[in-house]
Amino acid sequence: MQENAEGTQESLVWNVWPDVGKRLNLSKTTTWKMIHTGQIPSIRLGKRYVVPKAALERLISGQQEHAK
């Protein structure tokens, strides 16, 4: 956890669904396929997967540059 500007704690990771999928405007199935193929960087924690926020931001910024 990390403190944000307001002094509250903020997570350094996103849950794969719905957080990451909806942020990337992907369906649940597509999101999970991209996790399992490594197209979306993720970390497995026990039975669940999470996506580091920094990795997701890099992925999004890369997509925006390709769109230009």
PDB file of N, CA and C in Angstrom:
ATOM      1  N   MET A   1       0.841  -1.183   0.000  1.00  0.00           N
ATOM      2  CA  MET A   1       0.000   0.000   0.000  1.00  0.00           C
ATOM      3  C   MET A   1       0.887   1.247   0.000  1.00  0.00           C
ATOM      4  N   GLN A   2       0.337   2.298  -0.577  1.00  0.00           N
ATOM      5  CA  GLN A   2       1.051   3.552  -0.677  1.00  0.00           C
ATOM      6  C   GLN A   2       0.084   4.670  -0.327  1.00  0.00           C
ATOM      7  N   GLU A   3       0.608   5.714   0.339  1.00  0.00           N
ATOM      8  CA  GLU A   3      -0.270   6.832   0.675  1.00  0.00           C
ATOM      9  C   GLU A   3      -0.362   7.776  -0.504  1.00  0.00           C
ATOM     10  N   ASN A   4      -1.585   8.255  -0.777  1.00  0.00           N
ATOM     11  CA  ASN A   4      -1.763   9.222  -1.851  1.00  0.00           C
ATOM     12  C   ASN A   4      -1.729  10.634  -1.272  1.00  0.00           C
ATOM     13  N   ALA A   5      -2.018  11.645  -2.092  1.00  0.00           N
ATOM     14  CA  ALA A   5      -1.927  13.044  -1.677  1.00  0.00           C
ATOM     15  C   ALA A   5      -2.856  13.379  -0.516  1.00  0.00           C
ATOM     16  N   GLU A   6      -3.978  12.664  -0.422  1.00  0.00           N
ATOM     17  CA  GLU A   6      -4.928  12.931   0.654  1.00  0.00           C
ATOM     18  C   GLU A   6      -4.529  12.221   1.948  1.00  0.00           C
ATOM     19  N   GLY A   7      -3.478  11.433   1.911  1.00  0.00           N
ATOM     20  CA  GLY A   7      -3.033  10.726   3.098  1.00  0.00           C
ATOM     21  C   GLY A   7      -3.720   9.393   3.320  1.00  0.00           C
ATOM     22  N   THR A   8      -4.545   8.963   2.372  1.00  0.00           N
ATOM     23  CA  THR A   8      -5.193   7.660   2.486  1.00  0.00           C
ATOM     24  C   THR A   8      -4.363   6.635   1.740  1.00  0.00           C
ATOM     25  N   GLN A   9      -4.533   5.373   2.108  1.00  0.00           N
ATOM     26  CA  GLN A   9      -3.748   4.329   1.460  1.00  0.00           C
ATOM     27  C   GLN A   9      -4.372   3.909   0.141  1.00  0.00           C
ATOM     28  N   GLU A  10      -3.501   3.646  -0.814  1.00  0.00           N
ATOM     29  CA  GLU A  10      -3.924   3.277  -2.155  1.00  0.00           C
ATOM     30  C   GLU A  10      -3.167   2.019  -2.569  1.00  0.00           C
ATOM     31  N   SER A  11      -3.837   1.103  -3.196  1.00  0.00           N
ATOM     32  CA  SER A  11      -3.218  -0.145  -3.627  1.00  0.00           C
ATOM     33  C   SER A  11      -2.283   0.095  -4.814  1.00  0.00           C
ATOM     34  N   LEU A  12      -1.213  -0.705  -4.888  1.00  0.00           N
ATOM     35  CA  LEU A  12      -0.271  -0.601  -6.002  1.00  0.00           C
ATOM     36  C   LEU A  12      -0.623  -1.552  -7.140  1.00  0.00           C
ATOM     37  N   VAL A  13      -1.704  -2.304  -6.967  1.00  0.00           N
ATOM     38  CA  VAL A  13      -2.115  -3.267  -7.989  1.00  0.00           C
ATOM     39  C   VAL A  13      -3.607  -3.123  -8.292  1.00  0.00           C
ATOM     40  N   TRP A  14      -3.998  -3.602  -9.468  1.00  0.00           N
ATOM     41  CA  TRP A  14      -5.397  -3.635  -9.873  1.00  0.00           C
ATOM     42  C   TRP A  14      -5.837  -5.089  -9.926  1.00  0.00           C
ATOM     43  N   ASN A  15      -7.075  -5.348  -9.572  1.00  0.00           N
ATOM     44  CA  ASN A  15      -7.657  -6.667  -9.799  1.00  0.00           C
ATOM     45  C   ASN A  15      -7.879  -6.813 -11.293  1.00  0.00           C
ATOM     46  N   VAL A  16      -7.693  -8.035 -11.802  1.00  0.00           N
ATOM     47  CA  VAL A  16      -7.813  -8.254 -13.241  1.00  0.00           C
ATOM     48  C   VAL A  16      -9.214  -7.906 -13.731  1.00  0.00           C
ATOM     49  N   TRP A  17     -10.213  -8.427 -13.071  1.00  0.00           N
ATOM     50  CA  TRP A  17     -11.585  -8.112 -13.465  1.00  0.00           C
ATOM     51  C   TRP A  17     -12.349  -7.651 -12.250  1.00  0.00           C
ATOM     52  N   PRO A  18     -13.018  -6.541 -12.278  1.00  0.00           N
ATOM     53  CA  PRO A  18     -13.332  -5.720 -13.441  1.00  0.00           C
ATOM     54  C   PRO A  18     -12.358  -4.574 -13.682  1.00  0.00           C
ATOM     55  N   ASP A  19     -11.463  -4.292 -12.734  1.00  0.00           N
ATOM     56  CA  ASP A  19     -10.630  -3.085 -12.821  1.00  0.00           C
ATOM     57  C   ASP A  19      -9.862  -2.954 -14.137  1.00  0.00           C
ATOM     58  N   VAL A  20      -9.022  -3.933 -14.451  1.00  0.00           N
ATOM     59  CA  VAL A  20      -8.171  -3.847 -15.638  1.00  0.00           C
ATOM     60  C   VAL A  20      -8.998  -3.963 -16.914  1.00  0.00           C
ATOM     61  N   GLY A  21      -9.866  -4.945 -16.980  1.00  0.00           N
ATOM     62  CA  GLY A  21     -10.671  -5.149 -18.181  1.00  0.00           C
ATOM     63  C   GLY A  21     -11.487  -3.929 -18.553  1.00  0.00           C
ATOM     64  N   LYS A  22     -12.144  -3.355 -17.590  1.00  0.00           N
ATOM     65  CA  LYS A  22     -12.972  -2.180 -17.882  1.00  0.00           C
ATOM     66  C   LYS A  22     -12.116  -0.967 -18.222  1.00  0.00           C
ATOM     67  N   ARG A  23     -10.961  -0.847 -17.581  1.00  0.00           N
ATOM     68  CA  ARG A  23     -10.071   0.280 -17.871  1.00  0.00           C
ATOM     69  C   ARG A  23      -9.562   0.202 -19.317  1.00  0.00           C
ATOM     70  N   LEU A  24      -9.352  -1.028 -19.797  1.00  0.00           N
ATOM     71  CA  LEU A  24      -8.893  -1.216 -21.176  1.00  0.00           C
ATOM     72  C   LEU A  24     -10.044  -1.404 -22.158  1.00  0.00           C
ATOM     73  N   ASN A  25     -11.270  -1.346 -21.652  1.00  0.00           N
ATOM     74  CA  ASN A  25     -12.474  -1.516 -22.463  1.00  0.00           C
ATOM     75  C   ASN A  25     -12.492  -2.886 -23.151  1.00  0.00           C
ATOM     76  N   LEU A  26     -12.196  -3.930 -22.366  1.00  0.00           N
ATOM     77  CA  LEU A  26     -12.164  -5.299 -22.872  1.00  0.00           C
ATOM     78  C   LEU A  26     -13.232  -6.134 -22.186  1.00  0.00           C
ATOM     79  N   SER A  27     -13.654  -7.179 -22.865  1.00  0.00           N
ATOM     80  CA  SER A  27     -14.583  -8.113 -22.234  1.00  0.00           C
ATOM     81  C   SER A  27     -13.825  -8.929 -21.195  1.00  0.00           C
ATOM     82  N   LYS A  28     -14.566  -9.606 -20.345  1.00  0.00           N
ATOM     83  CA  LYS A  28     -13.952 -10.447 -19.318  1.00  0.00           C
ATOM     84  C   LYS A  28     -13.118 -11.554 -19.962  1.00  0.00           C
ATOM     85  N   THR A  29     -13.659 -12.200 -20.996  1.00  0.00           N
ATOM     86  CA  THR A  29     -12.956 -13.291 -21.670  1.00  0.00           C
ATOM     87  C   THR A  29     -11.660 -12.806 -22.314  1.00  0.00           C
ATOM     88  N   THR A  30     -11.719 -11.686 -23.017  1.00  0.00           N
ATOM     89  CA  THR A  30     -10.529 -11.142 -23.675  1.00  0.00           C
ATOM     90  C   THR A  30      -9.482 -10.736 -22.646  1.00  0.00           C
ATOM     91  N   THR A  31      -9.921 -10.143 -21.558  1.00  0.00           N
ATOM     92  CA  THR A  31      -8.990  -9.739 -20.506  1.00  0.00           C
ATOM     93  C   THR A  31      -8.228 -10.947 -19.981  1.00  0.00           C
ATOM     94  N   TRP A  32      -8.940 -12.022 -19.668  1.00  0.00           N
ATOM     95  CA  TRP A  32      -8.282 -13.221 -19.137  1.00  0.00           C
ATOM     96  C   TRP A  32      -7.375 -13.871 -20.174  1.00  0.00           C
ATOM     97  N   LYS A  33      -7.770 -13.872 -21.441  1.00  0.00           N
ATOM     98  CA  LYS A  33      -6.903 -14.424 -22.495  1.00  0.00           C
ATOM     99  C   LYS A  33      -5.602 -13.633 -22.565  1.00  0.00           C
ATOM    100  N   MET A  34      -5.703 -12.313 -22.485  1.00  0.00           N
ATOM    101  CA  MET A  34      -4.514 -11.470 -22.552  1.00  0.00           C
ATOM    102  C   MET A  34      -3.625 -11.643 -21.316  1.00  0.00           C
ATOM    103  N   ILE A  35      -4.221 -11.915 -20.175  1.00  0.00           N
ATOM    104  CA  ILE A  35      -3.437 -12.201 -18.963  1.00  0.00           C
ATOM    105  C   ILE A  35      -2.661 -13.498 -19.166  1.00  0.00           C
ATOM    106  N   HIS A  36      -3.340 -14.525 -19.628  1.00  0.00           N
ATOM    107  CA  HIS A  36      -2.713 -15.841 -19.761  1.00  0.00           C
ATOM    108  C   HIS A  36      -1.689 -15.920 -20.889  1.00  0.00           C
ATOM    109  N   THR A  37      -1.800 -15.051 -21.899  1.00  0.00           N
ATOM    110  CA  THR A  37      -0.811 -15.043 -22.978  1.00  0.00           C
ATOM    111  C   THR A  37       0.328 -14.054 -22.710  1.00  0.00           C
ATOM    112  N   GLY A  38       0.218 -13.300 -21.624  1.00  0.00           N
ATOM    113  CA  GLY A  38       1.275 -12.360 -21.261  1.00  0.00           C
ATOM    114  C   GLY A  38       1.164 -11.000 -21.918  1.00  0.00           C
ATOM    115  N   GLN A  39       0.091 -10.749 -22.646  1.00  0.00           N
ATOM    116  CA  GLN A  39      -0.097  -9.444 -23.281  1.00  0.00           C
ATOM    117  C   GLN A  39      -0.396  -8.358 -22.256  1.00  0.00           C
ATOM    118  N   ILE A  40      -0.983  -8.749 -21.141  1.00  0.00           N
ATOM    119  CA  ILE A  40      -1.177  -7.849 -20.008  1.00  0.00           C
ATOM    120  C   ILE A  40      -0.290  -8.396 -18.895  1.00  0.00           C
ATOM    121  N   PRO A  41       0.685  -7.609 -18.430  1.00  0.00           N
ATOM    122  CA  PRO A  41       1.570  -8.095 -17.373  1.00  0.00           C
ATOM    123  C   PRO A  41       0.799  -8.318 -16.080  1.00  0.00           C
ATOM    124  N   SER A  42       1.047  -9.439 -15.438  1.00  0.00           N
ATOM    125  CA  SER A  42       0.318  -9.752 -14.211  1.00  0.00           C
ATOM    126  C   SER A  42       1.203 -10.523 -13.248  1.00  0.00           C
ATOM    127  N   ILE A  43       0.749 -10.594 -12.020  1.00  0.00           N
ATOM    128  CA  ILE A  43       1.411 -11.336 -10.953  1.00  0.00           C
ATOM    129  C   ILE A  43       0.379 -12.257 -10.348  1.00  0.00           C
ATOM    130  N   ARG A  44       0.743 -13.501 -10.163  1.00  0.00           N
ATOM    131  CA  ARG A  44      -0.173 -14.446  -9.532  1.00  0.00           C
ATOM    132  C   ARG A  44       0.089 -14.454  -8.031  1.00  0.00           C
ATOM    133  N   LEU A  45      -0.951 -14.215  -7.266  1.00  0.00           N
ATOM    134  CA  LEU A  45      -0.891 -14.236  -5.802  1.00  0.00           C
ATOM    135  C   LEU A  45      -1.826 -15.329  -5.324  1.00  0.00           C
ATOM    136  N   GLY A  46      -1.280 -16.496  -5.065  1.00  0.00           N
ATOM    137  CA  GLY A  46      -2.131 -17.628  -4.696  1.00  0.00           C
ATOM    138  C   GLY A  46      -2.991 -18.016  -5.876  1.00  0.00           C
ATOM    139  N   LYS A  47      -4.303 -17.922  -5.702  1.00  0.00           N
ATOM    140  CA  LYS A  47      -5.236 -18.274  -6.778  1.00  0.00           C
ATOM    141  C   LYS A  47      -5.649 -17.085  -7.623  1.00  0.00           C
ATOM    142  N   ARG A  48      -5.250 -15.887  -7.239  1.00  0.00           N
ATOM    143  CA  ARG A  48      -5.701 -14.718  -7.986  1.00  0.00           C
ATOM    144  C   ARG A  48      -4.555 -14.037  -8.716  1.00  0.00           C
ATOM    145  N   TYR A  49      -4.920 -13.289  -9.725  1.00  0.00           N
ATOM    146  CA  TYR A  49      -3.959 -12.513 -10.496  1.00  0.00           C
ATOM    147  C   TYR A  49      -4.217 -11.040 -10.232  1.00  0.00           C
ATOM    148  N   VAL A  50      -3.142 -10.261 -10.193  1.00  0.00           N
ATOM    149  CA  VAL A  50      -3.244  -8.812 -10.085  1.00  0.00           C
ATOM    150  C   VAL A  50      -2.322  -8.197 -11.125  1.00  0.00           C
ATOM    151  N   VAL A  51      -2.609  -6.955 -11.476  1.00  0.00           N
ATOM    152  CA  VAL A  51      -1.799  -6.233 -12.449  1.00  0.00           C
ATOM    153  C   VAL A  51      -1.221  -5.008 -11.744  1.00  0.00           C
ATOM    154  N   PRO A  52       0.113  -4.884 -11.729  1.00  0.00           N
ATOM    155  CA  PRO A  52       0.709  -3.691 -11.116  1.00  0.00           C
ATOM    156  C   PRO A  52       0.229  -2.428 -11.831  1.00  0.00           C
ATOM    157  N   LYS A  53      -0.119  -1.407 -11.055  1.00  0.00           N
ATOM    158  CA  LYS A  53      -0.625  -0.172 -11.658  1.00  0.00           C
ATOM    159  C   LYS A  53       0.387   0.450 -12.607  1.00  0.00           C
ATOM    160  N   ALA A  54       1.672   0.414 -12.252  1.00  0.00           N
ATOM    161  CA  ALA A  54       2.699   0.999 -13.118  1.00  0.00           C
ATOM    162  C   ALA A  54       2.746   0.274 -14.465  1.00  0.00           C
ATOM    163  N   ALA A  55       2.615  -1.044 -14.456  1.00  0.00           N
ATOM    164  CA  ALA A  55       2.631  -1.818 -15.701  1.00  0.00           C
ATOM    165  C   ALA A  55       1.412  -1.493 -16.552  1.00  0.00           C
ATOM    166  N   LEU A  56       0.270  -1.336 -15.923  1.00  0.00           N
ATOM    167  CA  LEU A  56      -0.945  -1.007 -16.665  1.00  0.00           C
ATOM    168  C   LEU A  56      -0.831   0.386 -17.278  1.00  0.00           C
ATOM    169  N   GLU A  57      -0.287   1.326 -16.539  1.00  0.00           N
ATOM    170  CA  GLU A  57      -0.108   2.682 -17.074  1.00  0.00           C
ATOM    171  C   GLU A  57       0.836   2.681 -18.277  1.00  0.00           C
ATOM    172  N   ARG A  58       1.913   1.879 -18.221  1.00  0.00           N
ATOM    173  CA  ARG A  58       2.829   1.769 -19.369  1.00  0.00           C
ATOM    174  C   ARG A  58       2.111   1.161 -20.570  1.00  0.00           C
ATOM    175  N   LEU A  59       1.291   0.148 -20.317  1.00  0.00           N
ATOM    176  CA  LEU A  59       0.535  -0.500 -21.387  1.00  0.00           C
ATOM    177  C   LEU A  59      -0.426   0.498 -22.036  1.00  0.00           C
ATOM    178  N   ILE A  60      -1.121   1.256 -21.235  1.00  0.00           N
ATOM    179  CA  ILE A  60      -2.077   2.245 -21.754  1.00  0.00           C
ATOM    180  C   ILE A  60      -1.348   3.336 -22.529  1.00  0.00           C
ATOM    181  N   SER A  61      -0.253   3.852 -22.008  1.00  0.00           N
ATOM    182  CA  SER A  61       0.470   4.912 -22.699  1.00  0.00           C
ATOM    183  C   SER A  61       1.051   4.400 -24.017  1.00  0.00           C
ATOM    184  N   GLY A  62       1.463   3.136 -24.070  1.00  0.00           N
ATOM    185  CA  GLY A  62       1.942   2.537 -25.318  1.00  0.00           C
ATOM    186  C   GLY A  62       0.837   2.427 -26.352  1.00  0.00           C
ATOM    187  N   GLN A  63      -0.373   2.105 -25.906  1.00  0.00           N
ATOM    188  CA  GLN A  63      -1.511   2.006 -26.816  1.00  0.00           C
ATOM    189  C   GLN A  63      -1.866   3.377 -27.362  1.00  0.00           C
ATOM    190  N   GLN A  64      -1.763   4.398 -26.532  1.00  0.00           N
ATOM    191  CA  GLN A  64      -2.102   5.744 -26.969  1.00  0.00           C
ATOM    192  C   GLN A  64      -1.092   6.243 -28.004  1.00  0.00           C
ATOM    193  N   GLU A  65       0.180   5.895 -27.836  1.00  0.00           N
ATOM    194  CA  GLU A  65       1.199   6.323 -28.796  1.00  0.00           C
ATOM    195  C   GLU A  65       1.024   5.609 -30.132  1.00  0.00           C
ATOM    196  N   HIS A  66       0.611   4.324 -30.104  1.00  0.00           N
ATOM    197  CA  HIS A  66       0.376   3.594 -31.357  1.00  0.00           C
ATOM    198  C   HIS A  66      -0.838   4.147 -32.099  1.00  0.00           C
ATOM    199  N   ALA A  67      -1.774   4.719 -31.367  1.00  0.00           N
ATOM    200  CA  ALA A  67      -2.994   5.256 -31.983  1.00  0.00           C
ATOM    201  C   ALA A  67      -2.736   6.578 -32.692  1.00  0.00           C
ATOM    202  N   LYS A  68      -1.642   7.256 -32.364  1.00  0.00           N
ATOM    203  CA  LYS A  68      -1.357   8.564 -32.961  1.00  0.00           C
ATOM    204  C   LYS A  68      -0.854   8.462 -34.373  1.00  0.00           C
TER     205      LYS A  68
END
